[in-house]
Structures are given as C-alpha cells and as structure tokens.
Amino acid sequence: MRILVSLLILCCSFSVFSKRYYTESYTQADLGRGFNLLSHTPDAKCVTGQVRYHSAMSGELDYLQRLNATQVRRRTFGEVHGGVNLFIIAGSVSTSITHRNSTDKLSLTSQLHLKFDEGYSTLENRQLVVGYENNDCGNSFIYQLDYGRDVFINTRLHFRSEADYKRFVTKIKIRLLFFKKTITKVKLIEKYAANAVLSIDANSSAPLPAQLTTLLNNNTQHCRGSNITPCLTTLQRLSDYAFGDSGLAKDLKAIEKAPRSITTRSYEESGHYVLQTHNIQTDPHYDTVWKKIESRYGAAVRRLERARAFLAIANDGELDAAQLEVERATTLLSDMEGIRSVCMTSPWLAQCL
C-alpha cells in the first residue's frame, strides 16, 4: 500500500508539469527547448533526440453565435489551467482572432469555425545535450508540436451605442450567419440595425487558403445596417465554399501544415532527474493580472474592428470623424500590445498592477 501511494503521488506530481499552450510561434526546431512554467517562456535547449511525426488528420465544423471572449476561448481552445487559459500567454495571433470573434456590448458576432488537425511531432529517444550545465533549462521542456489551424468565417454587426445593441438583440431572434434569406427577415434586420454596420471577414491562426482570400476580396464585405443585401450575397457564396466538396476542406489539405500548439513535459517525466525542479508554483495574483490585461487588450482589438467597419461605409459627412476614430483605436491597440507583451511575461511589474 505504501508503494502504491508513493506511485500515485509521483504520477500526480508529473501531471502538474505537463501543459499545453496554443501558439503559432514555434517550429520543430523548438522541440527539446527548456520551458519556464512560471513565466510561460522558452529557455535554452537542454534535451535533444529524434523528431517523430504522427499523422492524425481530422476536421470539425461548428457554428458559434453570440459568444464572449471567454466562451470562444474555451469552446475553441479549451485547456484551462488554474483559471488561466494558457494559449493567451503564448500565441498573439490566436489571441487576436479570439477577441475579434467574440461578442461584447457594442458588437454581435456569429461564425463558422473549422477546427482542422494535421497531426503532431514528438521528441523521442531523448538525451542531454553537451554543456547543458551552462544552460538555463527551465523547469520543463517542449515535448510535442501539434499542427493544424482554426479558420473562422464571420459576420458581425457593429453598433454605435450599447442602447442600439440591446434594442437589436431584444427584437431579433434569428441567426445572423447563413440564415435562409427572406424578404421578411431582411427587412426586420434592416429595421433594427439601421445605425449599425454589417461586416464579413475570415481569419485564422495560420495563412488562409488563397481561394478564400480571393472570394472575400471580390465581394462586398461591409454594408450599412439599413441595406444588408449585398453582404448576404457574399455570405451565401462563403457558405457554398465552406460546405462544398471542392471548397474549404479540400483547400486546407492542399496547403502546408501549420503549428497550432505545443505540449511541455517535466524533466522527471523524461527520466532526466539531474534537471528536475520542484515546487513550481505561479503566484495566484498573476492570474488576475493576466485576465485584466487580456480583457483590456480584447476591448482594444474590437474597438479597432468597429472603427474600420464604420470607416468602410462612411459618407462625406461621416468621413473625418470615422478616420479620427480609426487613428485613436490604432494608437490604443498599439499601446495595449506593448503592455500585453510585457505583462504576460513579467506580471509583477508596477505597470501591470
């Protein structure tokens, strides 16, 4: 019994060190690099081995509607550890698209989400690198690199005020994306979205297929809420492309696979006890800092999206104000990107509190 308890304790201690990070920033060359679980940043490579690719192709198409940033993140990426979704710390592109695809009190977003998995690579037959004693090896290492991408095809209504938003969601009970177009439904939307802008776009954590980009560029992407028919035609063409046998899924299989996430392991799990580190704990206060910074960053992302949407449909009388708002939103997002970059890795700094 004492041996069994010891084994259970050992297994539990190992599981604490294995974590998954959604990020587009890593390649096969990063396998074996040390990783700091406190700051969520890579260190020097102290473990080497043979890279082995595992084929595991699969795809999943889902409809998402009226989800806030937390819901989009959990539905799309999952992997919540200690209240902090770790992908937000590692992947700037993945983070940005999550905020762009979410709903707040000034925007309403619906999307088709294609989650496409393309296998993974692991580091096997591992051994210590020469001179590891002189390296900062972190408290774990990058063991696995997953390939795949998340493609979002979105329709958004951008509102000028929270009152306009509340009025719309109270009156409209239909889906915004790929609904069956009827004169009654179109007129109803145009009535309650007269002051809004309907926008259409596609984004991903990896490059988009050329055919999808061309389709968007050659069709209307922004419409006044009082006249949404041109955008509905674009949505129908996107729907045909997304669901057609020779459309999106086929194009994704034909382009180069892209990094989607990494998984770390403890050195103990690898049997390299000389590198083992105990009592790796993150200050609980950092969770609050990360969430606060992430929320502010997300608001800045969506503000710029709205500003660009209103600029796209602005008439002569609206143009100056719309351009000024884009400039202000751009400056704010740039500032928040700098703050986020610092605070995600150094949350203890005064500017992050």
Protein backbone atom coordinates (compact mmCIF):
# COMPACT_ATOMS: atom_id res chain seq x y z
CA MET A 1 0.00 0.00 0.00
CA ARG A 2 2.81 2.41 0.85
CA ILE A 3 4.42 1.75 -2.55
CA LEU A 4 1.09 2.37 -4.32
CA VAL A 5 0.59 5.66 -2.51
CA SER A 6 4.12 6.73 -3.42
CA LEU A 7 3.47 5.92 -7.08
CA LEU A 8 0.23 7.91 -7.06
CA ILE A 9 1.98 10.90 -5.54
CA LEU A 10 4.72 10.63 -8.14
CA CYS A 11 2.20 10.45 -11.00
CA CYS A 12 0.28 13.44 -9.70
CA SER A 13 3.46 15.48 -9.37
CA PHE A 14 4.31 14.70 -13.00
CA SER A 15 0.91 15.76 -14.31
CA VAL A 16 1.29 19.19 -12.76
CA PHE A 17 4.24 19.88 -15.07
CA SER A 18 2.60 18.87 -18.41
CA LYS A 19 0.77 21.76 -20.01
CA ARG A 20 -0.44 22.70 -23.45
CA TYR A 21 -0.02 26.14 -25.00
CA TYR A 22 -1.86 27.28 -28.11
CA THR A 23 0.63 29.23 -30.18
CA GLU A 24 1.63 29.66 -33.78
CA SER A 25 5.13 30.82 -32.79
CA TYR A 26 7.02 27.51 -32.52
CA THR A 27 8.53 25.02 -35.01
CA GLN A 28 10.09 21.55 -34.89
CA ALA A 29 13.43 23.20 -34.08
CA ASP A 30 11.98 24.18 -30.67
CA LEU A 31 11.39 20.58 -29.57
CA GLY A 32 13.66 19.90 -26.61
CA ARG A 33 13.97 23.52 -25.58
CA GLY A 34 13.59 24.26 -21.92
CA PHE A 35 10.40 25.98 -20.79
CA ASN A 36 9.68 28.11 -17.74
CA LEU A 37 6.24 27.26 -16.36
CA LEU A 38 6.25 30.36 -14.17
CA SER A 39 6.70 32.93 -16.95
CA HIS A 40 5.44 30.65 -19.79
CA THR A 41 8.54 31.42 -21.87
CA PRO A 42 11.11 29.18 -23.66
CA ASP A 43 14.67 28.67 -22.43
CA ALA A 44 17.80 27.04 -23.82
CA LYS A 45 17.74 23.54 -25.30
CA CYS A 46 18.99 21.01 -22.78
CA VAL A 47 17.40 17.87 -24.26
CA THR A 48 17.83 16.52 -27.79
CA GLY A 49 16.53 13.45 -29.60
CA GLN A 50 14.76 12.19 -32.71
CA VAL A 51 11.73 14.06 -34.11
CA ARG A 52 8.88 11.69 -34.95
CA TYR A 53 5.81 12.80 -36.91
CA HIS A 54 2.44 11.22 -36.09
CA SER A 55 -0.27 11.51 -38.73
CA ALA A 56 -3.71 12.26 -37.27
CA MET A 57 -5.85 14.20 -39.74
CA SER A 58 -9.32 15.34 -38.71
CA GLY A 59 -11.69 18.26 -39.14
CA GLU A 60 -14.66 19.65 -37.25
CA LEU A 61 -17.05 22.37 -38.43
CA ASP A 62 -19.13 24.21 -35.84
CA TYR A 63 -21.49 27.15 -35.70
CA LEU A 64 -20.82 29.64 -32.91
CA GLN A 65 -23.06 32.55 -32.02
CA ARG A 66 -23.07 35.38 -29.52
CA LEU A 67 -20.10 34.09 -27.54
CA ASN A 68 -17.94 36.35 -25.40
CA ALA A 69 -14.15 36.05 -25.42
CA THR A 70 -14.05 33.50 -22.59
CA GLN A 71 -16.64 31.29 -24.27
CA VAL A 72 -14.89 31.45 -27.65
CA ARG A 73 -11.60 30.59 -25.99
CA ARG A 74 -12.96 27.62 -24.07
CA ARG A 75 -15.02 26.31 -26.99
CA THR A 76 -12.18 26.66 -29.46
CA PHE A 77 -9.01 26.03 -27.49
CA GLY A 78 -10.05 24.56 -24.15
CA GLU A 79 -7.05 23.79 -21.94
CA VAL A 80 -7.79 25.88 -18.88
CA HIS A 81 -5.20 25.53 -16.11
CA GLY A 82 -5.62 27.18 -12.75
CA GLY A 83 -8.15 29.60 -14.14
CA VAL A 84 -5.80 30.85 -16.84
CA ASN A 85 -6.20 29.69 -20.42
CA LEU A 86 -2.58 29.18 -21.38
CA PHE A 87 -2.93 29.89 -25.06
CA ILE A 88 -3.43 33.59 -24.32
CA ILE A 89 0.10 33.81 -22.99
CA ALA A 90 1.89 32.13 -25.86
CA GLY A 91 0.06 32.94 -29.09
CA SER A 92 -0.50 36.54 -30.13
CA VAL A 93 -2.28 35.69 -33.40
CA SER A 94 -4.51 33.10 -31.72
CA THR A 95 -5.31 35.61 -29.02
CA SER A 96 -6.20 38.32 -31.50
CA ILE A 97 -8.61 36.18 -33.50
CA THR A 98 -10.35 35.05 -30.34
CA HIS A 99 -11.12 38.64 -29.41
CA ARG A 100 -12.14 39.52 -32.95
CA ASN A 101 -14.58 36.61 -32.99
CA SER A 102 -16.31 37.44 -29.72
CA THR A 103 -19.35 39.48 -28.79
CA ASP A 104 -19.38 42.45 -26.47
CA LYS A 105 -21.87 45.22 -25.72
CA LEU A 106 -21.12 47.06 -28.97
CA SER A 107 -20.78 44.17 -31.39
CA LEU A 108 -22.55 40.96 -32.26
CA THR A 109 -20.61 38.16 -33.90
CA SER A 110 -21.59 34.83 -35.41
CA GLN A 111 -19.13 32.50 -37.08
CA LEU A 112 -18.46 29.23 -38.74
CA HIS A 113 -15.43 27.66 -37.10
CA LEU A 114 -13.42 24.95 -38.81
CA LYS A 115 -11.02 23.21 -36.44
CA PHE A 116 -8.53 21.33 -38.63
CA ASP A 117 -5.98 18.99 -37.01
CA GLU A 118 -2.97 17.85 -39.06
CA GLY A 119 -1.06 15.51 -36.75
CA TYR A 120 1.83 16.20 -34.40
CA SER A 121 5.57 15.74 -33.88
CA THR A 122 7.24 14.49 -30.70
CA LEU A 123 10.82 14.28 -29.48
CA GLU A 124 11.81 10.66 -28.81
CA ASN A 125 14.98 8.82 -27.65
CA ARG A 126 15.92 11.88 -25.67
CA GLN A 127 19.30 12.62 -24.14
CA LEU A 128 21.02 15.58 -22.56
CA VAL A 129 22.87 17.99 -24.83
CA VAL A 130 26.55 18.58 -24.32
CA GLY A 131 27.13 21.53 -21.99
CA TYR A 132 23.65 21.53 -20.51
CA GLU A 133 25.21 22.51 -17.17
CA ASN A 134 25.82 26.00 -18.54
CA ASN A 135 22.27 26.49 -19.84
CA ASP A 136 19.13 27.84 -18.26
CA CYS A 137 17.00 24.77 -18.83
CA GLY A 138 13.77 26.00 -17.27
CA ASN A 139 11.60 23.62 -15.24
CA SER A 140 10.20 21.59 -18.17
CA PHE A 141 10.85 21.10 -21.88
CA ILE A 142 8.90 21.27 -25.14
CA TYR A 143 8.00 17.67 -25.96
CA GLN A 144 5.30 17.91 -28.65
CA LEU A 145 4.34 20.23 -31.53
CA ASP A 146 0.77 19.97 -32.85
CA TYR A 147 -0.20 21.00 -36.38
CA GLY A 148 -3.50 22.42 -37.56
CA ARG A 149 -5.43 25.63 -37.80
CA ASP A 150 -8.63 27.29 -36.76
CA VAL A 151 -10.48 29.09 -39.55
CA PHE A 152 -13.30 31.48 -38.68
CA ILE A 153 -15.76 32.85 -41.23
CA ASN A 154 -17.52 35.70 -39.51
CA THR A 155 -20.40 38.07 -39.83
CA ARG A 156 -20.55 40.94 -37.37
CA LEU A 157 -22.89 43.74 -36.58
CA HIS A 158 -21.09 46.77 -35.16
CA PHE A 159 -23.30 49.14 -33.18
CA ARG A 160 -22.76 52.82 -32.42
CA SER A 161 -24.14 52.55 -28.89
CA GLU A 162 -24.96 49.97 -26.26
CA ALA A 163 -28.60 51.04 -26.49
CA ASP A 164 -28.66 50.13 -30.20
CA TYR A 165 -27.10 46.75 -29.38
CA LYS A 166 -29.64 45.97 -26.64
CA ARG A 167 -32.51 47.00 -28.87
CA PHE A 168 -31.36 44.66 -31.62
CA VAL A 169 -30.73 41.54 -29.50
CA THR A 170 -34.08 42.07 -27.79
CA LYS A 171 -36.02 42.27 -31.04
CA ILE A 172 -34.13 39.86 -33.30
CA LYS A 173 -34.32 36.14 -32.59
CA ILE A 174 -32.76 34.76 -35.78
CA ARG A 175 -29.23 33.74 -36.55
CA LEU A 176 -27.14 36.28 -38.39
CA LEU A 177 -24.93 33.87 -40.26
CA PHE A 178 -26.12 31.71 -43.15
CA PHE A 179 -29.79 32.04 -42.36
CA LYS A 180 -32.33 31.42 -45.11
CA LYS A 181 -32.78 34.78 -46.78
CA THR A 182 -36.37 36.01 -46.93
CA ILE A 183 -37.72 39.48 -47.53
CA THR A 184 -39.34 39.49 -44.08
CA LYS A 185 -36.14 38.58 -42.25
CA VAL A 186 -34.01 41.01 -44.19
CA LYS A 187 -36.41 43.88 -43.58
CA LEU A 188 -36.59 43.04 -39.88
CA ILE A 189 -32.80 43.12 -39.50
CA GLU A 190 -32.52 46.34 -41.51
CA LYS A 191 -35.16 47.96 -39.28
CA TYR A 192 -33.35 47.30 -36.01
CA ALA A 193 -29.78 47.57 -37.37
CA ALA A 194 -30.27 50.77 -39.36
CA ASN A 195 -27.47 52.59 -37.49
CA ALA A 196 -25.11 49.60 -37.43
CA VAL A 197 -22.60 48.15 -39.90
CA LEU A 198 -22.62 44.54 -41.06
CA SER A 199 -19.11 43.24 -41.82
CA ILE A 200 -17.85 39.92 -43.17
CA ASP A 201 -14.35 38.51 -42.83
CA ALA A 202 -12.33 35.37 -42.35
CA ASN A 203 -9.35 34.93 -40.04
CA SER A 204 -7.13 32.15 -38.83
CA SER A 205 -4.16 31.32 -36.65
CA ALA A 206 -2.36 30.39 -39.91
CA PRO A 207 -2.41 31.63 -43.53
CA LEU A 208 -5.80 31.38 -45.22
CA PRO A 209 -6.34 29.43 -48.46
CA ALA A 210 -5.85 31.67 -51.50
CA GLN A 211 -9.33 30.89 -52.83
CA LEU A 212 -10.96 32.08 -49.59
CA THR A 213 -9.00 35.33 -49.63
CA THR A 214 -9.88 35.92 -53.28
CA LEU A 215 -13.57 35.25 -52.64
CA LEU A 216 -13.64 37.86 -49.88
CA ASN A 217 -11.69 40.45 -51.83
CA ASN A 218 -14.00 40.13 -54.84
CA ASN A 219 -17.25 40.51 -52.89
CA THR A 220 -18.86 43.08 -50.61
CA GLN A 221 -17.55 42.88 -47.04
CA HIS A 222 -19.18 45.94 -45.40
CA CYS A 223 -22.82 47.06 -45.57
CA ARG A 224 -24.90 49.66 -43.80
CA GLY A 225 -27.37 48.01 -41.48
CA SER A 226 -30.16 49.61 -43.46
CA ASN A 227 -29.10 47.76 -46.65
CA ILE A 228 -27.53 44.35 -45.93
CA THR A 229 -28.46 42.51 -49.13
CA PRO A 230 -25.03 42.85 -50.83
CA CYS A 231 -23.37 41.27 -47.77
CA LEU A 232 -25.91 38.45 -47.69
CA THR A 233 -24.90 37.56 -51.24
CA THR A 234 -21.29 37.34 -50.05
CA LEU A 235 -22.36 35.13 -47.14
CA GLN A 236 -24.14 32.75 -49.49
CA ARG A 237 -21.01 32.39 -51.61
CA LEU A 238 -18.93 31.80 -48.49
CA SER A 239 -21.42 29.17 -47.34
CA ASP A 240 -21.19 27.37 -50.68
CA TYR A 241 -17.40 27.43 -50.43
CA ALA A 242 -17.28 26.28 -46.79
CA PHE A 243 -19.64 23.34 -47.25
CA GLY A 244 -18.83 22.33 -50.82
CA ASP A 245 -16.85 19.15 -51.53
CA SER A 246 -14.27 21.09 -53.54
CA GLY A 247 -14.15 24.07 -51.18
CA LEU A 248 -12.56 24.96 -47.88
CA ALA A 249 -11.72 21.49 -46.53
CA LYS A 250 -10.03 20.48 -49.78
CA ASP A 251 -8.02 23.71 -49.95
CA LEU A 252 -6.81 23.29 -46.36
CA LYS A 253 -5.49 19.81 -47.09
CA ALA A 254 -3.51 21.16 -50.04
CA ILE A 255 -1.55 23.83 -48.15
CA GLU A 256 1.39 23.38 -45.79
CA LYS A 257 0.53 22.27 -42.28
CA ALA A 258 0.91 24.93 -39.64
CA PRO A 259 1.96 24.87 -35.94
CA ARG A 260 -1.06 25.09 -33.65
CA SER A 261 0.11 24.27 -30.11
CA ILE A 262 2.93 22.85 -28.02
CA THR A 263 2.91 20.49 -25.06
CA THR A 264 5.52 20.68 -22.33
CA ARG A 265 6.71 17.88 -20.06
CA SER A 266 8.72 17.82 -16.89
CA TYR A 267 12.29 16.57 -16.96
CA GLU A 268 11.24 13.97 -14.42
CA GLU A 269 8.80 12.51 -16.96
CA SER A 270 11.68 12.19 -19.39
CA GLY A 271 13.88 10.48 -16.81
CA HIS A 272 16.40 13.33 -16.67
CA TYR A 273 16.37 13.81 -12.93
CA VAL A 274 19.51 15.91 -12.95
CA LEU A 275 17.36 18.71 -14.41
CA GLN A 276 14.35 18.21 -12.16
CA THR A 277 12.85 21.21 -10.41
CA HIS A 278 10.40 21.05 -7.53
CA ASN A 279 7.69 23.34 -6.18
CA ILE A 280 6.95 25.21 -9.40
CA GLN A 281 4.10 27.49 -8.48
CA THR A 282 2.66 30.60 -10.05
CA ASP A 283 1.64 33.45 -7.78
CA PRO A 284 -2.21 33.35 -7.84
CA HIS A 285 -2.15 37.14 -8.09
CA TYR A 286 -0.68 36.82 -11.60
CA ASP A 287 -3.87 35.15 -12.83
CA THR A 288 -5.78 38.33 -12.03
CA VAL A 289 -3.18 40.48 -13.76
CA TRP A 290 -3.24 38.36 -16.92
CA LYS A 291 -7.03 38.38 -17.11
CA LYS A 292 -7.21 42.14 -16.61
CA ILE A 293 -4.60 42.86 -19.29
CA GLU A 294 -6.21 40.37 -21.66
CA SER A 295 -9.61 41.99 -21.21
CA ARG A 296 -8.24 45.44 -21.97
CA TYR A 297 -6.37 44.11 -25.00
CA GLY A 298 -9.51 42.42 -26.30
CA ALA A 299 -11.54 45.61 -25.97
CA ALA A 300 -8.88 47.46 -28.00
CA VAL A 301 -8.97 44.79 -30.73
CA ARG A 302 -12.73 45.06 -31.10
CA ARG A 303 -12.71 48.86 -30.97
CA LEU A 304 -10.38 48.95 -33.99
CA GLU A 305 -12.55 46.42 -35.82
CA ARG A 306 -15.61 48.61 -35.27
CA ALA A 307 -13.78 51.78 -36.28
CA ARG A 308 -12.64 50.22 -39.55
CA ALA A 309 -16.15 48.95 -40.27
CA PHE A 310 -17.72 52.39 -39.84
CA LEU A 311 -14.95 53.97 -41.93
CA ALA A 312 -15.64 51.50 -44.75
CA ILE A 313 -19.24 52.74 -45.16
CA ALA A 314 -18.71 56.39 -44.19
CA ASN A 315 -20.13 59.10 -46.45
CA ASP A 316 -18.58 62.53 -46.92
CA GLY A 317 -20.20 63.93 -43.80
CA GLU A 318 -19.01 61.00 -41.65
CA LEU A 319 -15.53 60.53 -43.11
CA ASP A 320 -13.46 62.87 -40.89
CA ALA A 321 -14.90 61.53 -37.63
CA ALA A 322 -14.53 57.93 -38.82
CA GLN A 323 -10.90 58.43 -39.79
CA LEU A 324 -10.14 60.08 -36.44
CA GLU A 325 -11.67 57.13 -34.56
CA VAL A 326 -9.55 54.67 -36.58
CA GLU A 327 -6.42 56.63 -35.67
CA ARG A 328 -7.32 56.68 -31.98
CA ALA A 329 -8.22 52.99 -31.95
CA THR A 330 -4.98 52.10 -33.75
CA THR A 331 -2.92 54.02 -31.19
CA LEU A 332 -4.76 52.39 -28.29
CA LEU A 333 -4.25 48.88 -29.69
CA SER A 334 -0.55 49.56 -30.28
CA ASP A 335 -0.20 50.69 -26.67
CA MET A 336 -2.06 47.64 -25.40
CA GLU A 337 0.07 45.29 -27.49
CA GLY A 338 3.15 46.70 -25.78
CA ILE A 339 1.60 46.40 -22.31
CA ARG A 340 0.39 42.87 -23.01
CA SER A 341 3.82 41.77 -24.28
CA VAL A 342 5.46 42.96 -21.07
CA CYS A 343 2.82 41.85 -18.59
CA MET A 344 2.27 38.36 -19.95
CA THR A 345 5.90 37.51 -19.17
CA SER A 346 6.56 39.91 -16.25
CA PRO A 347 3.22 40.36 -14.43
CA TRP A 348 4.95 41.54 -11.27
CA LEU A 349 5.99 44.88 -12.81
CA ALA A 350 4.29 48.00 -11.46
CA GLN A 351 2.78 48.94 -14.86
CA CYS A 352 0.86 45.65 -14.87
CA LEU A 353 -0.81 46.04 -11.49
